[in-house]
Amino acid sequence: MDRASHKAFLAALDPHRNALGAFCSRMVRDRADLEDVLQSTLLEAFRKFESFQPGTNFRAWVFQFAALTALSVNRRRAKEPDPLPEEPLPAPEELALELEYDALLARPELVRERLSDEVCRALDGLTERERAIFLLKTIGEMTCAEAAHILSVPIGTVMGLLARARGKLRESLTEFARREGYLSVEGRP
């Protein structure tokens, strides 16, 4: 790759570095793998930068490398893939209740800036795919369609897993949210 392509890659990457680092740091199960995941992600993206189509979404393109690398490292570390949960999709009542918490869960600063031990434990309690989708939506600011493309799964799977992840986080973080002032006593943001 020539010097101009190298500069173009770095210029395209620069606005996304912090979000990419935050995404990878929450995706890897073992902190010792973080640097390897970031390096592998950037190396692979750099190698394939010539295939990037200018004018398309660079953020989604580079996050795809990060998501796939992190999932691969986690699976290799666990010695077996993390299966998709076999639980049924949330009932309509649960989805309606979840709307009350959308404002809380859609606040990326909760994930990015205030990662208390409780929030980290709650995120770690999600399955690999639930966590990947939730982090792509919050930290990566991706749409469901972009997350589906990045993870190579149907958009319905993304929507179902996102709803499930939000429900699990809502359940495990309600008391934390009240204590930190994100929710009123009644449970509304």
Protein backbone atom coordinates (compact mmCIF):
# COMPACT_ATOMS: atom_id res chain seq x y z
CA MET A 1 0.00 0.00 0.00
CA ASP A 2 1.37 3.41 -0.89
CA ARG A 3 1.87 6.37 1.44
CA ALA A 4 -1.30 8.15 0.24
CA SER A 5 -3.42 5.05 1.01
CA HIS A 6 -1.77 4.79 4.42
CA LYS A 7 -2.68 8.42 5.18
CA ALA A 8 -6.21 7.92 3.88
CA PHE A 9 -6.67 4.87 6.13
CA LEU A 10 -5.45 6.75 9.21
CA ALA A 11 -7.64 9.75 8.37
CA ALA A 12 -10.71 7.53 7.99
CA LEU A 13 -9.89 5.66 11.20
CA ASP A 14 -9.12 8.66 13.40
CA PRO A 15 -12.70 9.73 14.32
CA HIS A 16 -13.54 6.15 15.28
CA ARG A 17 -10.50 5.19 17.38
CA ASN A 18 -12.05 5.83 20.80
CA ALA A 19 -15.31 4.05 20.01
CA LEU A 20 -13.43 1.15 18.44
CA GLY A 21 -11.18 0.82 21.49
CA ALA A 22 -14.15 0.99 23.86
CA PHE A 23 -16.02 -1.60 21.82
CA CYS A 24 -13.08 -4.02 21.80
CA SER A 25 -12.38 -3.52 25.51
CA ARG A 26 -15.92 -4.60 26.38
CA MET A 27 -16.07 -7.39 23.81
CA VAL A 28 -13.01 -9.38 24.86
CA ARG A 29 -13.49 -11.65 27.84
CA ASP A 30 -9.82 -11.73 28.78
CA ARG A 31 -8.10 -8.34 29.14
CA ALA A 32 -4.84 -9.93 28.02
CA ASP A 33 -6.41 -10.32 24.56
CA LEU A 34 -7.39 -6.66 24.15
CA GLU A 35 -4.18 -5.43 22.55
CA ASP A 36 -4.09 -8.44 20.22
CA VAL A 37 -7.69 -7.87 19.15
CA LEU A 38 -7.07 -4.19 18.45
CA GLN A 39 -3.86 -4.89 16.54
CA SER A 40 -5.42 -7.71 14.53
CA THR A 41 -8.45 -5.56 13.75
CA LEU A 42 -6.40 -2.63 12.53
CA LEU A 43 -3.94 -4.81 10.62
CA GLU A 44 -6.70 -6.69 8.81
CA ALA A 45 -8.61 -3.47 8.04
CA PHE A 46 -5.42 -1.84 6.79
CA ARG A 47 -4.62 -4.85 4.57
CA LYS A 48 -8.10 -4.76 3.06
CA PHE A 49 -8.42 -0.97 2.88
CA GLU A 50 -8.04 -1.05 -0.91
CA SER A 51 -11.34 -2.99 -1.04
CA PHE A 52 -13.15 -0.29 1.01
CA GLN A 53 -15.59 1.61 -1.19
CA PRO A 54 -15.20 5.38 -0.62
CA GLY A 55 -18.52 6.98 0.22
CA THR A 56 -19.75 3.94 2.14
CA ASN A 57 -19.84 3.65 5.93
CA PHE A 58 -16.21 3.29 7.08
CA ARG A 59 -17.31 3.04 10.73
CA ALA A 60 -19.44 -0.04 10.04
CA TRP A 61 -16.72 -1.47 7.81
CA VAL A 62 -13.98 -1.25 10.46
CA PHE A 63 -16.31 -2.36 13.30
CA GLN A 64 -17.00 -5.52 11.32
CA PHE A 65 -13.33 -6.45 11.61
CA ALA A 66 -13.38 -5.67 15.34
CA ALA A 67 -16.52 -7.69 16.05
CA LEU A 68 -15.37 -10.72 14.10
CA THR A 69 -11.88 -10.62 15.63
CA ALA A 70 -13.19 -10.28 19.20
CA LEU A 71 -15.74 -13.07 18.74
CA SER A 72 -13.06 -15.31 17.24
CA VAL A 73 -10.61 -14.65 20.09
CA ASN A 74 -13.29 -15.24 22.73
CA ARG A 75 -14.36 -18.49 21.11
CA ARG A 76 -10.81 -19.70 20.74
CA ARG A 77 -10.18 -18.88 24.40
CA ALA A 78 -13.34 -20.76 25.45
CA LYS A 79 -12.49 -23.67 23.12
CA GLU A 80 -16.07 -23.79 21.85
CA PRO A 81 -18.45 -21.29 20.25
CA ASP A 82 -20.97 -19.49 22.38
CA PRO A 83 -24.31 -20.83 21.10
CA LEU A 84 -27.24 -18.57 20.43
CA PRO A 85 -29.60 -18.60 23.40
CA GLU A 86 -32.54 -20.92 22.99
CA GLU A 87 -34.88 -18.79 25.09
CA PRO A 88 -38.06 -17.60 23.40
CA LEU A 89 -38.20 -13.96 22.34
CA PRO A 90 -39.51 -11.57 25.02
CA ALA A 91 -43.28 -11.34 25.39
CA PRO A 92 -44.97 -8.18 24.06
CA GLU A 93 -45.53 -6.97 27.64
CA GLU A 94 -41.80 -7.15 28.31
CA LEU A 95 -41.05 -5.28 25.09
CA ALA A 96 -43.53 -2.57 26.07
CA LEU A 97 -41.92 -2.30 29.52
CA GLU A 98 -38.54 -2.10 27.84
CA LEU A 99 -39.57 1.10 26.06
CA GLU A 100 -39.52 2.81 29.47
CA TYR A 101 -35.84 1.98 29.75
CA ASP A 102 -34.79 2.90 26.21
CA ALA A 103 -33.66 6.36 27.28
CA LEU A 104 -31.41 4.84 29.95
CA LEU A 105 -29.98 2.05 27.84
CA ALA A 106 -29.50 4.24 24.78
CA ARG A 107 -27.19 6.55 26.74
CA PRO A 108 -23.72 5.60 25.50
CA GLU A 109 -22.08 7.68 28.22
CA LEU A 110 -23.36 5.15 30.77
CA VAL A 111 -21.34 2.50 29.00
CA ARG A 112 -18.39 4.64 27.93
CA GLU A 113 -17.77 6.92 30.90
CA ARG A 114 -19.39 5.35 33.95
CA LEU A 115 -18.43 1.72 33.73
CA SER A 116 -18.85 0.81 37.35
CA ASP A 117 -18.20 -2.73 38.45
CA GLU A 118 -21.97 -3.31 38.39
CA VAL A 119 -22.29 -2.22 34.77
CA CYS A 120 -19.27 -4.33 33.75
CA ARG A 121 -20.73 -7.37 35.49
CA ALA A 122 -24.09 -6.79 33.81
CA LEU A 123 -22.45 -6.55 30.37
CA ASP A 124 -20.37 -9.63 31.09
CA GLY A 125 -23.60 -11.47 31.96
CA LEU A 126 -24.78 -11.17 28.37
CA THR A 127 -24.00 -13.81 25.77
CA GLU A 128 -21.31 -12.98 23.20
CA ARG A 129 -23.81 -12.00 20.52
CA GLU A 130 -26.08 -10.06 22.89
CA ARG A 131 -23.09 -8.08 24.12
CA ALA A 132 -21.75 -7.54 20.60
CA ILE A 133 -25.10 -6.25 19.36
CA PHE A 134 -25.70 -4.06 22.42
CA LEU A 135 -22.21 -2.53 22.16
CA LEU A 136 -22.49 -2.05 18.40
CA LYS A 137 -25.73 -0.13 19.01
CA THR A 138 -24.50 1.95 21.97
CA ILE A 139 -20.78 2.47 21.52
CA GLY A 140 -20.65 1.87 17.78
CA GLU A 141 -23.87 3.82 17.18
CA MET A 142 -24.84 1.30 14.49
CA THR A 143 -28.32 0.62 13.19
CA CYS A 144 -29.80 -2.86 13.50
CA ALA A 145 -29.19 -3.36 9.78
CA GLU A 146 -25.52 -2.39 10.16
CA ALA A 147 -25.11 -4.69 13.17
CA ALA A 148 -26.74 -7.52 11.21
CA HIS A 149 -24.32 -6.96 8.35
CA ILE A 150 -21.30 -6.77 10.66
CA LEU A 151 -22.19 -10.00 12.46
CA SER A 152 -23.56 -11.74 9.34
CA VAL A 153 -26.91 -12.56 10.96
CA PRO A 154 -30.48 -11.70 9.93
CA ILE A 155 -31.82 -8.35 11.12
CA GLY A 156 -34.59 -10.16 13.04
CA THR A 157 -31.93 -11.99 15.04
CA VAL A 158 -30.27 -8.67 15.85
CA MET A 159 -33.56 -7.14 16.97
CA GLY A 160 -34.44 -10.17 19.12
CA LEU A 161 -31.01 -10.37 20.73
CA LEU A 162 -30.96 -6.61 21.31
CA ALA A 163 -34.33 -6.80 23.05
CA ARG A 164 -33.10 -9.72 25.13
CA ALA A 165 -29.86 -7.92 26.03
CA ARG A 166 -31.74 -4.78 27.04
CA GLY A 167 -34.12 -6.85 29.15
CA LYS A 168 -31.24 -8.56 30.94
CA LEU A 169 -29.49 -5.25 31.52
CA ARG A 170 -32.72 -3.65 32.70
CA GLU A 171 -33.20 -6.47 35.19
CA SER A 172 -29.64 -6.40 36.49
CA LEU A 173 -29.15 -2.62 36.53
CA THR A 174 -32.45 -1.23 37.80
CA GLU A 175 -31.21 -0.68 41.37
CA PHE A 176 -27.91 0.78 40.11
CA ALA A 177 -29.84 3.17 37.84
CA ARG A 178 -32.00 4.37 40.73
CA ARG A 179 -28.96 4.86 42.98
CA GLU A 180 -27.11 6.83 40.29
CA GLY A 181 -30.15 9.01 39.51
CA TYR A 182 -30.88 7.62 36.04
CA LEU A 183 -34.33 6.42 37.15
CA SER A 184 -36.87 7.90 39.47
CA VAL A 185 -38.25 5.89 42.36
CA GLU A 186 -41.14 4.79 40.10
CA GLY A 187 -38.66 3.24 37.67
CA ARG A 188 -38.99 5.72 34.83
CA PRO A 189 -36.01 7.63 33.29
